Amino acid sequence: MKVFLNKINIKMKIAGIILTVIGAVGLIISGINYANQTDKLNLLGAEITVSEGSITPIIITGVIFFIGLIMVLARRK
């Protein structure tokens, strides 16, 4: 039984690493896209920045990243 639980623990850690990497890459890509989707407007000498991007992909990839971290750092009793 202990060998079976050890195999599950190893598979969970591998899945956690994969999710962490996917989440990190997704955060980088969606963050760059969000930063690039801004418009700047000069009005009476003041510069106003308006973002047209959606923050939803950043939130989703952040959740995936943290779920992966939890899976990697979780310990079985």
N, C-alpha and C. Protein backbone atom coordinates (compact mmCIF):
# COMPACT_ATOMS: atom_id res chain seq x y z
N MET A 1 0.82 -1.20 0.00
CA MET A 1 0.00 0.00 0.00
C MET A 1 0.87 1.26 0.00
N LYS A 2 1.98 1.20 0.72
CA LYS A 2 2.86 2.36 0.80
C LYS A 2 3.48 2.66 -0.56
N VAL A 3 3.81 1.63 -1.34
CA VAL A 3 4.39 1.82 -2.68
C VAL A 3 3.37 2.49 -3.58
N PHE A 4 2.10 2.08 -3.47
CA PHE A 4 1.04 2.67 -4.27
C PHE A 4 0.87 4.15 -3.96
N LEU A 5 0.89 4.51 -2.67
CA LEU A 5 0.76 5.92 -2.29
C LEU A 5 1.97 6.72 -2.74
N ASN A 6 3.15 6.10 -2.75
CA ASN A 6 4.35 6.79 -3.20
C ASN A 6 4.27 7.09 -4.70
N LYS A 7 3.73 6.16 -5.49
CA LYS A 7 3.56 6.38 -6.93
C LYS A 7 2.56 7.51 -7.19
N ILE A 8 1.50 7.55 -6.40
CA ILE A 8 0.51 8.63 -6.56
C ILE A 8 1.16 9.97 -6.22
N ASN A 9 1.98 9.99 -5.18
CA ASN A 9 2.65 11.22 -4.76
C ASN A 9 3.60 11.72 -5.86
N ILE A 10 4.33 10.81 -6.49
CA ILE A 10 5.24 11.19 -7.57
C ILE A 10 4.45 11.73 -8.76
N LYS A 11 3.35 11.09 -9.12
CA LYS A 11 2.53 11.55 -10.24
C LYS A 11 1.92 12.92 -9.94
N MET A 12 1.53 13.15 -8.68
CA MET A 12 0.97 14.43 -8.31
C MET A 12 2.02 15.53 -8.41
N LYS A 13 3.24 15.23 -8.01
CA LYS A 13 4.31 16.23 -8.10
C LYS A 13 4.65 16.54 -9.55
N ILE A 14 4.67 15.53 -10.42
CA ILE A 14 4.94 15.76 -11.84
C ILE A 14 3.83 16.63 -12.44
N ALA A 15 2.58 16.31 -12.12
CA ALA A 15 1.46 17.12 -12.62
C ALA A 15 1.55 18.54 -12.07
N GLY A 16 1.98 18.69 -10.83
CA GLY A 16 2.14 20.01 -10.24
C GLY A 16 3.22 20.82 -10.93
N ILE A 17 4.33 20.16 -11.28
CA ILE A 17 5.40 20.85 -11.99
C ILE A 17 4.92 21.31 -13.36
N ILE A 18 4.19 20.45 -14.05
CA ILE A 18 3.66 20.80 -15.38
C ILE A 18 2.70 21.99 -15.27
N LEU A 19 1.79 21.95 -14.29
CA LEU A 19 0.85 23.06 -14.11
C LEU A 19 1.57 24.35 -13.74
N THR A 20 2.60 24.24 -12.92
CA THR A 20 3.36 25.43 -12.53
C THR A 20 4.05 26.06 -13.73
N VAL A 21 4.65 25.23 -14.56
CA VAL A 21 5.34 25.75 -15.75
C VAL A 21 4.32 26.38 -16.72
N ILE A 22 3.22 25.69 -16.95
CA ILE A 22 2.18 26.23 -17.84
C ILE A 22 1.64 27.55 -17.28
N GLY A 23 1.40 27.59 -15.98
CA GLY A 23 0.90 28.82 -15.36
C GLY A 23 1.89 29.96 -15.45
N ALA A 24 3.18 29.67 -15.23
CA ALA A 24 4.19 30.73 -15.30
C ALA A 24 4.31 31.29 -16.72
N VAL A 25 4.33 30.39 -17.70
CA VAL A 25 4.42 30.84 -19.10
C VAL A 25 3.17 31.63 -19.47
N GLY A 26 2.02 31.15 -19.03
CA GLY A 26 0.77 31.85 -19.31
C GLY A 26 0.73 33.23 -18.67
N LEU A 27 1.26 33.33 -17.44
CA LEU A 27 1.30 34.64 -16.78
C LEU A 27 2.20 35.62 -17.53
N ILE A 28 3.33 35.12 -18.00
CA ILE A 28 4.25 35.99 -18.74
C ILE A 28 3.61 36.46 -20.04
N ILE A 29 3.05 35.52 -20.79
CA ILE A 29 2.48 35.86 -22.10
C ILE A 29 1.26 36.77 -21.94
N SER A 30 0.35 36.42 -21.02
CA SER A 30 -0.84 37.25 -20.86
C SER A 30 -0.50 38.61 -20.25
N GLY A 31 0.53 38.67 -19.41
CA GLY A 31 0.97 39.96 -18.86
C GLY A 31 1.54 40.87 -19.93
N ILE A 32 2.33 40.29 -20.84
CA ILE A 32 2.88 41.08 -21.94
C ILE A 32 1.77 41.56 -22.86
N ASN A 33 0.83 40.67 -23.18
CA ASN A 33 -0.29 41.07 -24.03
C ASN A 33 -1.13 42.16 -23.37
N TYR A 34 -1.34 42.05 -22.07
CA TYR A 34 -2.12 43.06 -21.35
C TYR A 34 -1.40 44.41 -21.37
N ALA A 35 -0.08 44.38 -21.18
CA ALA A 35 0.69 45.63 -21.18
C ALA A 35 0.72 46.27 -22.56
N ASN A 36 0.71 45.45 -23.61
CA ASN A 36 0.77 45.98 -24.97
C ASN A 36 -0.58 46.51 -25.46
N GLN A 37 -1.66 46.19 -24.78
CA GLN A 37 -2.99 46.64 -25.20
C GLN A 37 -3.41 47.90 -24.46
N THR A 38 -2.52 48.85 -24.40
CA THR A 38 -2.84 50.12 -23.74
C THR A 38 -2.72 51.26 -24.75
N ASP A 39 -3.53 52.25 -24.56
CA ASP A 39 -3.49 53.46 -25.38
C ASP A 39 -3.15 54.63 -24.48
N LYS A 40 -2.30 55.51 -24.98
CA LYS A 40 -1.93 56.70 -24.22
C LYS A 40 -2.56 57.92 -24.89
N LEU A 41 -3.03 58.83 -24.07
CA LEU A 41 -3.71 60.03 -24.54
C LEU A 41 -3.17 61.22 -23.77
N ASN A 42 -2.73 62.23 -24.49
CA ASN A 42 -2.28 63.46 -23.86
C ASN A 42 -3.43 64.45 -23.85
N LEU A 43 -3.82 64.89 -22.67
CA LEU A 43 -4.92 65.82 -22.52
C LEU A 43 -4.49 66.96 -21.60
N LEU A 44 -4.32 68.13 -22.17
CA LEU A 44 -3.90 69.32 -21.42
C LEU A 44 -2.59 69.09 -20.67
N GLY A 45 -1.67 68.42 -21.30
CA GLY A 45 -0.36 68.18 -20.71
C GLY A 45 -0.30 66.97 -19.80
N ALA A 46 -1.43 66.34 -19.51
CA ALA A 46 -1.46 65.15 -18.66
C ALA A 46 -1.56 63.91 -19.55
N GLU A 47 -0.77 62.90 -19.24
CA GLU A 47 -0.82 61.67 -20.03
C GLU A 47 -1.75 60.68 -19.35
N ILE A 48 -2.75 60.23 -20.08
CA ILE A 48 -3.74 59.29 -19.56
C ILE A 48 -3.53 57.96 -20.27
N THR A 49 -3.44 56.89 -19.50
CA THR A 49 -3.26 55.55 -20.07
C THR A 49 -4.55 54.76 -19.88
N VAL A 50 -5.05 54.22 -20.98
CA VAL A 50 -6.27 53.42 -20.95
C VAL A 50 -5.93 52.02 -21.42
N SER A 51 -6.31 51.02 -20.62
CA SER A 51 -6.04 49.63 -20.98
C SER A 51 -7.26 49.02 -21.65
N GLU A 52 -7.02 48.36 -22.76
CA GLU A 52 -8.11 47.70 -23.49
C GLU A 52 -8.10 46.20 -23.26
N GLY A 53 -7.08 45.68 -22.58
CA GLY A 53 -6.93 44.24 -22.38
C GLY A 53 -7.84 43.72 -21.28
N SER A 54 -8.05 42.43 -21.31
CA SER A 54 -8.86 41.76 -20.30
C SER A 54 -7.94 41.16 -19.25
N ILE A 55 -8.33 41.27 -17.99
CA ILE A 55 -7.51 40.75 -16.91
C ILE A 55 -7.84 39.28 -16.61
N THR A 56 -8.88 38.74 -17.23
CA THR A 56 -9.31 37.37 -16.98
C THR A 56 -8.22 36.33 -17.28
N PRO A 57 -7.50 36.39 -18.41
CA PRO A 57 -6.44 35.40 -18.64
C PRO A 57 -5.34 35.44 -17.58
N ILE A 58 -5.06 36.61 -17.05
CA ILE A 58 -4.04 36.72 -16.01
C ILE A 58 -4.51 36.02 -14.74
N ILE A 59 -5.78 36.19 -14.39
CA ILE A 59 -6.33 35.56 -13.20
C ILE A 59 -6.34 34.04 -13.36
N ILE A 60 -6.78 33.56 -14.52
CA ILE A 60 -6.86 32.11 -14.76
C ILE A 60 -5.49 31.47 -14.71
N THR A 61 -4.50 32.06 -15.39
CA THR A 61 -3.16 31.47 -15.39
C THR A 61 -2.51 31.59 -14.01
N GLY A 62 -2.85 32.63 -13.26
CA GLY A 62 -2.34 32.75 -11.90
C GLY A 62 -2.88 31.64 -11.00
N VAL A 63 -4.16 31.33 -11.15
CA VAL A 63 -4.77 30.23 -10.38
C VAL A 63 -4.11 28.91 -10.76
N ILE A 64 -3.90 28.65 -12.04
CA ILE A 64 -3.23 27.43 -12.48
C ILE A 64 -1.83 27.34 -11.89
N PHE A 65 -1.11 28.46 -11.89
CA PHE A 65 0.24 28.51 -11.34
C PHE A 65 0.23 28.13 -9.85
N PHE A 66 -0.67 28.72 -9.07
CA PHE A 66 -0.70 28.44 -7.64
C PHE A 66 -1.21 27.04 -7.32
N ILE A 67 -2.12 26.50 -8.11
CA ILE A 67 -2.55 25.11 -7.92
C ILE A 67 -1.37 24.17 -8.15
N GLY A 68 -0.57 24.46 -9.19
CA GLY A 68 0.62 23.66 -9.45
C GLY A 68 1.61 23.74 -8.30
N LEU A 69 1.81 24.93 -7.75
CA LEU A 69 2.72 25.08 -6.61
C LEU A 69 2.23 24.29 -5.40
N ILE A 70 0.94 24.34 -5.15
CA ILE A 70 0.38 23.60 -4.02
C ILE A 70 0.58 22.10 -4.22
N MET A 71 0.39 21.62 -5.44
CA MET A 71 0.58 20.20 -5.72
C MET A 71 2.04 19.78 -5.54
N VAL A 72 2.96 20.65 -5.92
CA VAL A 72 4.39 20.32 -5.78
C VAL A 72 4.80 20.34 -4.31
N LEU A 73 4.31 21.31 -3.57
CA LEU A 73 4.75 21.48 -2.19
C LEU A 73 3.96 20.66 -1.17
N ALA A 74 2.86 20.05 -1.61
CA ALA A 74 2.03 19.25 -0.69
C ALA A 74 2.78 18.00 -0.25
N ARG A 75 2.59 17.65 1.00
CA ARG A 75 3.23 16.45 1.55
C ARG A 75 2.16 15.47 1.99
N ARG A 76 2.41 14.23 1.69
CA ARG A 76 1.49 13.16 2.12
C ARG A 76 1.88 12.73 3.53
N LYS A 77 0.89 12.37 4.33
CA LYS A 77 1.15 11.89 5.69
C LYS A 77 1.29 10.39 5.71
